[in-house]
Amino acid sequence: MNRAAAWAGEVELFPLREKELDAVAALEASLQAFPWTRGNFADSLAAGHSLWVARRAGDLVGFSVVMSVIDEAHLLNLGVSGSCQGQGIGARLLQNAMATARRGGARRFLLEVRPSNDKAVALYKNFGFSRIGLRRGYYPALAGREDALVYEREL
């Protein structure tokens, strides 16, 4: 087993609870220049989206948010603590998100990603996602707006 897989094996995944909203929003704020707010996460939880957290030794190290509609699931957000990136945690969260969506009846999984996010693009390609489109000016950026690459994978 490689080091990344060994580290990821120590991580446990749990459905997000309301009392964890502040911690998840703080982790997101540490990762993004234009982060989701606590309210964004709370709204997703209230809407019944699938929200999961990753914990290592009790510490929050990652999260995922997936919205499902009929037979499609859409990854809305996925983040891993900067000190824990490259250790397989994002892969565990993505696997869990896809499996949970599949159990809920989803047959197709969609996501958007910044072209500048090389690590995330590599993760999604490694999981068999194919690029199906481009959303121009989708993300806020320090210098205006950044496009989003749209990826999909059949479940």
N, C-alpha and C. Protein backbone atom coordinates (compact mmCIF):
# COMPACT_ATOMS: atom_id res chain seq x y z
N MET A 1 0.86 -1.18 0.00
CA MET A 1 0.00 0.00 0.00
C MET A 1 0.90 1.24 0.00
N ASN A 2 0.57 2.19 -0.86
CA ASN A 2 1.40 3.40 -0.88
C ASN A 2 1.06 4.32 0.30
N ARG A 3 1.91 5.30 0.51
CA ARG A 3 1.74 6.19 1.67
C ARG A 3 0.40 6.91 1.64
N ALA A 4 -0.01 7.40 0.45
CA ALA A 4 -1.28 8.12 0.35
C ALA A 4 -2.43 7.22 0.75
N ALA A 5 -2.44 5.98 0.29
CA ALA A 5 -3.51 5.05 0.64
C ALA A 5 -3.48 4.74 2.13
N ALA A 6 -2.30 4.61 2.71
CA ALA A 6 -2.20 4.33 4.14
C ALA A 6 -2.77 5.48 4.96
N TRP A 7 -2.42 6.71 4.59
CA TRP A 7 -2.95 7.87 5.30
C TRP A 7 -4.46 7.97 5.14
N ALA A 8 -4.96 7.75 3.93
CA ALA A 8 -6.40 7.84 3.69
C ALA A 8 -7.13 6.78 4.49
N GLY A 9 -6.49 5.63 4.72
CA GLY A 9 -7.12 4.57 5.49
C GLY A 9 -7.39 4.96 6.93
N GLU A 10 -6.67 5.94 7.45
CA GLU A 10 -6.89 6.41 8.82
C GLU A 10 -8.01 7.44 8.89
N VAL A 11 -8.52 7.82 7.76
CA VAL A 11 -9.56 8.83 7.70
C VAL A 11 -10.92 8.16 7.75
N GLU A 12 -11.82 8.75 8.53
CA GLU A 12 -13.19 8.25 8.61
C GLU A 12 -14.12 9.29 8.01
N LEU A 13 -15.16 8.81 7.31
CA LEU A 13 -16.14 9.69 6.69
C LEU A 13 -17.46 9.61 7.46
N PHE A 14 -18.07 10.77 7.65
CA PHE A 14 -19.33 10.86 8.37
C PHE A 14 -20.25 11.87 7.68
N PRO A 15 -21.58 11.66 7.75
CA PRO A 15 -22.48 12.71 7.27
C PRO A 15 -22.27 13.97 8.11
N LEU A 16 -22.28 15.11 7.44
CA LEU A 16 -22.09 16.38 8.14
C LEU A 16 -23.28 16.65 9.05
N ARG A 17 -22.97 17.13 10.25
CA ARG A 17 -24.01 17.52 11.21
C ARG A 17 -24.01 19.04 11.35
N GLU A 18 -25.14 19.58 11.69
CA GLU A 18 -25.28 21.03 11.78
C GLU A 18 -24.22 21.66 12.68
N LYS A 19 -23.85 21.00 13.75
CA LYS A 19 -22.87 21.58 14.67
C LYS A 19 -21.47 21.68 14.05
N GLU A 20 -21.26 21.06 12.88
CA GLU A 20 -19.96 21.13 12.20
C GLU A 20 -19.89 22.21 11.13
N LEU A 21 -20.97 22.95 10.95
CA LEU A 21 -21.01 23.95 9.88
C LEU A 21 -19.91 25.00 10.01
N ASP A 22 -19.66 25.48 11.22
CA ASP A 22 -18.62 26.51 11.40
C ASP A 22 -17.25 25.96 11.00
N ALA A 23 -16.96 24.72 11.41
CA ALA A 23 -15.65 24.13 11.11
C ALA A 23 -15.49 23.89 9.61
N VAL A 24 -16.55 23.44 8.95
CA VAL A 24 -16.47 23.21 7.51
C VAL A 24 -16.30 24.53 6.76
N ALA A 25 -17.03 25.55 7.17
CA ALA A 25 -16.90 26.86 6.54
C ALA A 25 -15.49 27.42 6.76
N ALA A 26 -14.92 27.20 7.93
CA ALA A 26 -13.56 27.67 8.20
C ALA A 26 -12.54 26.93 7.33
N LEU A 27 -12.72 25.63 7.17
CA LEU A 27 -11.82 24.87 6.29
C LEU A 27 -11.94 25.38 4.86
N GLU A 28 -13.15 25.56 4.38
CA GLU A 28 -13.36 26.08 3.03
C GLU A 28 -12.69 27.44 2.87
N ALA A 29 -12.81 28.32 3.88
CA ALA A 29 -12.21 29.65 3.81
C ALA A 29 -10.68 29.57 3.75
N SER A 30 -10.11 28.52 4.33
CA SER A 30 -8.65 28.36 4.28
C SER A 30 -8.17 27.87 2.92
N LEU A 31 -9.10 27.38 2.10
CA LEU A 31 -8.74 26.78 0.82
C LEU A 31 -9.02 27.66 -0.39
N GLN A 32 -9.99 28.55 -0.28
CA GLN A 32 -10.47 29.28 -1.45
C GLN A 32 -10.36 30.79 -1.27
N ALA A 33 -10.04 31.48 -2.33
CA ALA A 33 -10.05 32.95 -2.31
C ALA A 33 -11.48 33.47 -2.27
N PHE A 34 -12.42 32.69 -2.83
CA PHE A 34 -13.83 33.05 -2.86
C PHE A 34 -14.63 31.87 -2.31
N PRO A 35 -14.58 31.67 -0.98
CA PRO A 35 -15.15 30.46 -0.39
C PRO A 35 -16.67 30.50 -0.26
N TRP A 36 -17.23 29.30 -0.16
CA TRP A 36 -18.61 29.17 0.27
C TRP A 36 -18.69 29.71 1.70
N THR A 37 -19.83 30.25 2.06
CA THR A 37 -20.05 30.74 3.41
C THR A 37 -20.70 29.64 4.26
N ARG A 38 -20.75 29.87 5.54
CA ARG A 38 -21.47 28.95 6.43
C ARG A 38 -22.90 28.81 5.95
N GLY A 39 -23.48 29.92 5.50
CA GLY A 39 -24.85 29.90 5.00
C GLY A 39 -25.02 29.02 3.78
N ASN A 40 -24.03 29.01 2.89
CA ASN A 40 -24.09 28.12 1.72
C ASN A 40 -24.14 26.66 2.15
N PHE A 41 -23.30 26.30 3.11
CA PHE A 41 -23.30 24.92 3.61
C PHE A 41 -24.61 24.61 4.33
N ALA A 42 -25.09 25.55 5.14
CA ALA A 42 -26.35 25.35 5.87
C ALA A 42 -27.51 25.18 4.90
N ASP A 43 -27.53 25.98 3.84
CA ASP A 43 -28.59 25.86 2.83
C ASP A 43 -28.55 24.50 2.15
N SER A 44 -27.36 24.01 1.85
CA SER A 44 -27.24 22.68 1.23
C SER A 44 -27.73 21.59 2.17
N LEU A 45 -27.38 21.71 3.44
CA LEU A 45 -27.84 20.74 4.43
C LEU A 45 -29.36 20.77 4.55
N ALA A 46 -29.93 21.98 4.62
CA ALA A 46 -31.39 22.13 4.73
C ALA A 46 -32.11 21.61 3.49
N ALA A 47 -31.46 21.72 2.32
CA ALA A 47 -32.06 21.26 1.07
C ALA A 47 -32.01 19.74 0.92
N GLY A 48 -31.31 19.08 1.83
CA GLY A 48 -31.23 17.63 1.76
C GLY A 48 -30.12 17.11 0.86
N HIS A 49 -29.18 17.96 0.51
CA HIS A 49 -28.03 17.51 -0.27
C HIS A 49 -27.19 16.55 0.57
N SER A 50 -26.35 15.81 -0.08
CA SER A 50 -25.47 14.85 0.60
C SER A 50 -24.18 15.56 0.99
N LEU A 51 -24.00 15.80 2.28
CA LEU A 51 -22.80 16.47 2.80
C LEU A 51 -22.06 15.50 3.70
N TRP A 52 -20.77 15.33 3.44
CA TRP A 52 -19.93 14.43 4.21
C TRP A 52 -18.69 15.15 4.68
N VAL A 53 -18.18 14.73 5.83
CA VAL A 53 -16.91 15.24 6.33
C VAL A 53 -15.93 14.09 6.48
N ALA A 54 -14.66 14.40 6.31
CA ALA A 54 -13.58 13.45 6.54
C ALA A 54 -12.86 13.89 7.80
N ARG A 55 -12.61 12.93 8.69
CA ARG A 55 -11.91 13.21 9.93
C ARG A 55 -10.74 12.26 10.11
N ARG A 56 -9.64 12.79 10.60
CA ARG A 56 -8.47 12.00 10.96
C ARG A 56 -8.16 12.32 12.42
N ALA A 57 -8.17 11.30 13.25
CA ALA A 57 -7.93 11.48 14.69
C ALA A 57 -8.85 12.56 15.26
N GLY A 58 -10.08 12.60 14.77
CA GLY A 58 -11.06 13.56 15.25
C GLY A 58 -11.01 14.92 14.60
N ASP A 59 -9.94 15.21 13.86
CA ASP A 59 -9.80 16.52 13.22
C ASP A 59 -10.45 16.54 11.84
N LEU A 60 -11.17 17.59 11.54
CA LEU A 60 -11.77 17.77 10.22
C LEU A 60 -10.67 17.98 9.19
N VAL A 61 -10.64 17.13 8.16
CA VAL A 61 -9.62 17.26 7.12
C VAL A 61 -10.20 17.37 5.72
N GLY A 62 -11.53 17.26 5.58
CA GLY A 62 -12.13 17.38 4.27
C GLY A 62 -13.63 17.34 4.32
N PHE A 63 -14.24 17.63 3.17
CA PHE A 63 -15.70 17.61 3.06
C PHE A 63 -16.10 17.46 1.60
N SER A 64 -17.35 17.05 1.40
CA SER A 64 -17.93 17.01 0.05
C SER A 64 -19.39 17.40 0.14
N VAL A 65 -19.91 17.99 -0.95
CA VAL A 65 -21.31 18.38 -1.06
C VAL A 65 -21.82 17.94 -2.42
N VAL A 66 -22.89 17.14 -2.43
CA VAL A 66 -23.47 16.64 -3.68
C VAL A 66 -24.97 16.89 -3.68
N MET A 67 -25.46 17.42 -4.78
CA MET A 67 -26.88 17.61 -5.00
C MET A 67 -27.35 16.55 -6.00
N SER A 68 -28.41 15.85 -5.66
CA SER A 68 -28.97 14.85 -6.57
C SER A 68 -30.36 15.26 -7.01
N VAL A 69 -30.63 15.08 -8.30
CA VAL A 69 -31.94 15.35 -8.87
C VAL A 69 -32.27 14.21 -9.81
N ILE A 70 -33.29 13.49 -9.49
CA ILE A 70 -33.76 12.33 -10.25
C ILE A 70 -32.60 11.35 -10.45
N ASP A 71 -32.05 11.26 -11.65
CA ASP A 71 -31.00 10.27 -11.90
C ASP A 71 -29.63 10.92 -12.15
N GLU A 72 -29.47 12.18 -11.73
CA GLU A 72 -28.19 12.86 -11.86
C GLU A 72 -27.73 13.37 -10.51
N ALA A 73 -26.42 13.34 -10.31
CA ALA A 73 -25.81 13.93 -9.12
C ALA A 73 -24.79 14.95 -9.57
N HIS A 74 -24.66 16.00 -8.79
CA HIS A 74 -23.79 17.12 -9.15
C HIS A 74 -22.90 17.43 -7.94
N LEU A 75 -21.60 17.27 -8.11
CA LEU A 75 -20.65 17.63 -7.06
C LEU A 75 -20.61 19.15 -6.98
N LEU A 76 -21.07 19.70 -5.87
CA LEU A 76 -21.09 21.14 -5.70
C LEU A 76 -19.80 21.67 -5.07
N ASN A 77 -19.20 20.86 -4.20
CA ASN A 77 -17.99 21.32 -3.52
C ASN A 77 -17.27 20.12 -2.93
N LEU A 78 -15.96 20.19 -2.95
CA LEU A 78 -15.11 19.17 -2.33
C LEU A 78 -13.83 19.87 -1.92
N GLY A 79 -13.43 19.67 -0.67
CA GLY A 79 -12.22 20.31 -0.19
C GLY A 79 -11.46 19.43 0.77
N VAL A 80 -10.15 19.54 0.73
CA VAL A 80 -9.27 18.80 1.63
C VAL A 80 -8.26 19.79 2.21
N SER A 81 -8.07 19.72 3.50
CA SER A 81 -7.11 20.59 4.19
C SER A 81 -5.78 20.61 3.44
N GLY A 82 -5.21 21.79 3.31
CA GLY A 82 -3.96 21.94 2.56
C GLY A 82 -2.86 21.01 3.05
N SER A 83 -2.77 20.80 4.36
CA SER A 83 -1.71 19.93 4.90
C SER A 83 -1.98 18.45 4.65
N CYS A 84 -3.18 18.13 4.19
CA CYS A 84 -3.55 16.73 3.96
C CYS A 84 -3.73 16.39 2.48
N GLN A 85 -3.54 17.36 1.60
CA GLN A 85 -3.72 17.10 0.18
C GLN A 85 -2.65 16.14 -0.33
N GLY A 86 -3.01 15.34 -1.31
CA GLY A 86 -2.08 14.37 -1.88
C GLY A 86 -1.97 13.08 -1.07
N GLN A 87 -2.88 12.88 -0.13
CA GLN A 87 -2.83 11.70 0.73
C GLN A 87 -4.01 10.76 0.51
N GLY A 88 -4.78 10.99 -0.56
CA GLY A 88 -5.88 10.10 -0.89
C GLY A 88 -7.21 10.47 -0.27
N ILE A 89 -7.27 11.56 0.47
CA ILE A 89 -8.51 11.95 1.14
C ILE A 89 -9.54 12.45 0.15
N GLY A 90 -9.12 13.26 -0.82
CA GLY A 90 -10.05 13.71 -1.86
C GLY A 90 -10.61 12.54 -2.64
N ALA A 91 -9.77 11.55 -2.92
CA ALA A 91 -10.23 10.35 -3.62
C ALA A 91 -11.26 9.60 -2.79
N ARG A 92 -11.04 9.48 -1.48
CA ARG A 92 -12.01 8.81 -0.61
C ARG A 92 -13.33 9.55 -0.60
N LEU A 93 -13.26 10.89 -0.50
CA LEU A 93 -14.49 11.68 -0.50
C LEU A 93 -15.23 11.55 -1.83
N LEU A 94 -14.49 11.57 -2.94
CA LEU A 94 -15.11 11.44 -4.25
C LEU A 94 -15.74 10.05 -4.42
N GLN A 95 -15.02 9.00 -4.03
CA GLN A 95 -15.58 7.64 -4.11
C GLN A 95 -16.86 7.55 -3.30
N ASN A 96 -16.84 8.09 -2.09
CA ASN A 96 -18.02 8.07 -1.24
C ASN A 96 -19.17 8.84 -1.86
N ALA A 97 -18.87 10.01 -2.43
CA ALA A 97 -19.91 10.83 -3.05
C ALA A 97 -20.57 10.09 -4.21
N MET A 98 -19.76 9.43 -5.03
CA MET A 98 -20.31 8.70 -6.17
C MET A 98 -21.11 7.49 -5.70
N ALA A 99 -20.61 6.75 -4.71
CA ALA A 99 -21.32 5.58 -4.21
C ALA A 99 -22.64 5.97 -3.56
N THR A 100 -22.63 7.05 -2.80
CA THR A 100 -23.86 7.53 -2.16
C THR A 100 -24.87 7.96 -3.21
N ALA A 101 -24.40 8.67 -4.24
CA ALA A 101 -25.30 9.10 -5.31
C ALA A 101 -25.87 7.90 -6.06
N ARG A 102 -25.04 6.91 -6.32
CA ARG A 102 -25.48 5.70 -7.03
C ARG A 102 -26.55 4.98 -6.21
N ARG A 103 -26.34 4.85 -4.90
CA ARG A 103 -27.33 4.21 -4.03
C ARG A 103 -28.64 4.99 -4.03
N GLY A 104 -28.56 6.30 -4.24
CA GLY A 104 -29.75 7.15 -4.28
C GLY A 104 -30.43 7.16 -5.64
N GLY A 105 -29.91 6.41 -6.61
CA GLY A 105 -30.54 6.31 -7.91
C GLY A 105 -29.89 7.10 -9.03
N ALA A 106 -28.81 7.81 -8.72
CA ALA A 106 -28.13 8.58 -9.77
C ALA A 106 -27.42 7.65 -10.74
N ARG A 107 -27.47 8.01 -12.00
CA ARG A 107 -26.79 7.24 -13.03
C ARG A 107 -25.69 8.06 -13.71
N ARG A 108 -25.68 9.35 -13.44
CA ARG A 108 -24.72 10.27 -14.05
C ARG A 108 -24.23 11.22 -12.98
N PHE A 109 -22.92 11.51 -13.00
CA PHE A 109 -22.31 12.38 -12.00
C PHE A 109 -21.63 13.53 -12.74
N LEU A 110 -21.93 14.76 -12.35
CA LEU A 110 -21.41 15.97 -13.00
C LEU A 110 -20.64 16.83 -12.01
N LEU A 111 -19.74 17.64 -12.56
CA LEU A 111 -19.02 18.59 -11.72
C LEU A 111 -18.40 19.67 -12.58
N GLU A 112 -18.09 20.80 -11.94
CA GLU A 112 -17.32 21.87 -12.56
C GLU A 112 -16.02 22.01 -11.78
N VAL A 113 -14.97 22.43 -12.49
CA VAL A 113 -13.68 22.63 -11.84
C VAL A 113 -12.94 23.76 -12.56
N ARG A 114 -12.20 24.53 -11.79
CA ARG A 114 -11.39 25.59 -12.38
C ARG A 114 -10.28 24.97 -13.22
N PRO A 115 -10.02 25.47 -14.41
CA PRO A 115 -8.91 24.96 -15.21
C PRO A 115 -7.57 25.10 -14.49
N SER A 116 -7.46 26.09 -13.60
CA SER A 116 -6.21 26.32 -12.86
C SER A 116 -6.01 25.34 -11.70
N ASN A 117 -7.01 24.54 -11.39
CA ASN A 117 -6.92 23.60 -10.27
C ASN A 117 -6.40 22.25 -10.79
N ASP A 118 -5.10 22.22 -11.05
CA ASP A 118 -4.47 21.03 -11.64
C ASP A 118 -4.69 19.76 -10.82
N LYS A 119 -4.60 19.86 -9.49
CA LYS A 119 -4.77 18.68 -8.65
C LYS A 119 -6.17 18.10 -8.80
N ALA A 120 -7.18 18.95 -8.79
CA ALA A 120 -8.55 18.48 -8.91
C ALA A 120 -8.80 17.90 -10.31
N VAL A 121 -8.33 18.56 -11.34
CA VAL A 121 -8.50 18.06 -12.70
C VAL A 121 -7.88 16.66 -12.81
N ALA A 122 -6.69 16.49 -12.26
CA ALA A 122 -6.03 15.18 -12.30
C ALA A 122 -6.83 14.13 -11.53
N LEU A 123 -7.38 14.50 -10.38
CA LEU A 123 -8.20 13.57 -9.59
C LEU A 123 -9.40 13.11 -10.40
N TYR A 124 -10.11 14.04 -11.01
CA TYR A 124 -11.32 13.69 -11.75
C TYR A 124 -10.99 12.83 -12.96
N LYS A 125 -9.93 13.16 -13.66
CA LYS A 125 -9.53 12.34 -14.81
C LYS A 125 -9.14 10.94 -14.36
N ASN A 126 -8.46 10.84 -13.22
CA ASN A 126 -8.07 9.54 -12.67
C ASN A 126 -9.28 8.67 -12.35
N PHE A 127 -10.40 9.31 -12.04
CA PHE A 127 -11.63 8.58 -11.72
C PHE A 127 -12.51 8.38 -12.95
N GLY A 128 -11.98 8.65 -14.13
CA GLY A 128 -12.71 8.36 -15.36
C GLY A 128 -13.69 9.42 -15.80
N PHE A 129 -13.59 10.61 -15.28
CA PHE A 129 -14.46 11.69 -15.72
C PHE A 129 -13.99 12.19 -17.08
N SER A 130 -14.94 12.58 -17.91
CA SER A 130 -14.65 13.12 -19.24
C SER A 130 -15.15 14.56 -19.31
N ARG A 131 -14.37 15.40 -19.95
CA ARG A 131 -14.79 16.80 -20.12
C ARG A 131 -15.89 16.86 -21.17
N ILE A 132 -16.98 17.55 -20.81
CA ILE A 132 -18.11 17.66 -21.74
C ILE A 132 -18.45 19.10 -22.08
N GLY A 133 -17.79 20.06 -21.43
CA GLY A 133 -18.14 21.44 -21.75
C GLY A 133 -17.29 22.45 -21.01
N LEU A 134 -17.64 23.71 -21.24
CA LEU A 134 -16.95 24.84 -20.64
C LEU A 134 -17.98 25.89 -20.28
N ARG A 135 -17.93 26.38 -19.06
CA ARG A 135 -18.81 27.48 -18.64
C ARG A 135 -17.92 28.72 -18.52
N ARG A 136 -18.11 29.66 -19.42
CA ARG A 136 -17.29 30.87 -19.46
C ARG A 136 -17.63 31.79 -18.28
N GLY A 137 -16.58 32.30 -17.62
CA GLY A 137 -16.77 33.26 -16.54
C GLY A 137 -17.54 32.72 -15.35
N TYR A 138 -17.45 31.44 -15.08
CA TYR A 138 -18.26 30.78 -14.05
C TYR A 138 -17.83 31.14 -12.63
N TYR A 139 -16.53 31.18 -12.40
CA TYR A 139 -16.00 31.41 -11.05
C TYR A 139 -15.49 32.83 -10.88
N PRO A 140 -15.68 33.41 -9.68
CA PRO A 140 -15.01 34.68 -9.41
C PRO A 140 -13.51 34.43 -9.30
N ALA A 141 -12.72 35.41 -9.71
CA ALA A 141 -11.26 35.29 -9.66
C ALA A 141 -10.68 36.64 -9.27
N LEU A 142 -9.44 36.64 -8.87
CA LEU A 142 -8.79 37.88 -8.45
C LEU A 142 -8.76 38.89 -9.59
N ALA A 143 -8.66 38.41 -10.83
CA ALA A 143 -8.65 39.30 -12.00
C ALA A 143 -9.89 39.02 -12.85
N GLY A 144 -11.06 39.32 -12.31
CA GLY A 144 -12.31 39.14 -13.07
C GLY A 144 -12.97 37.80 -12.79
N ARG A 145 -13.10 36.99 -13.84
CA ARG A 145 -13.79 35.70 -13.73
C ARG A 145 -12.92 34.61 -14.34
N GLU A 146 -13.15 33.36 -13.90
CA GLU A 146 -12.44 32.22 -14.45
C GLU A 146 -13.47 31.22 -14.99
N ASP A 147 -13.13 30.61 -16.10
CA ASP A 147 -14.01 29.60 -16.69
C ASP A 147 -14.09 28.37 -15.80
N ALA A 148 -15.06 27.53 -16.08
CA ALA A 148 -15.18 26.22 -15.43
C ALA A 148 -15.19 25.15 -16.48
N LEU A 149 -14.42 24.11 -16.25
CA LEU A 149 -14.48 22.91 -17.09
C LEU A 149 -15.59 22.05 -16.53
N VAL A 150 -16.43 21.51 -17.39
CA VAL A 150 -17.53 20.65 -16.96
C VAL A 150 -17.15 19.21 -17.29
N TYR A 151 -17.25 18.37 -16.27
CA TYR A 151 -16.91 16.96 -16.41
C TYR A 151 -18.11 16.09 -16.04
N GLU A 152 -18.15 14.89 -16.62
CA GLU A 152 -19.20 13.94 -16.26
C GLU A 152 -18.63 12.55 -16.23
N ARG A 153 -19.36 11.69 -15.53
CA ARG A 153 -19.04 10.27 -15.50
C ARG A 153 -20.33 9.50 -15.28
N GLU A 154 -20.49 8.44 -16.03
CA GLU A 154 -21.62 7.55 -15.80
C GLU A 154 -21.35 6.75 -14.55
N LEU A 155 -22.40 6.52 -13.77
CA LEU A 155 -22.26 5.72 -12.56
C LEU A 155 -22.75 4.32 -12.87
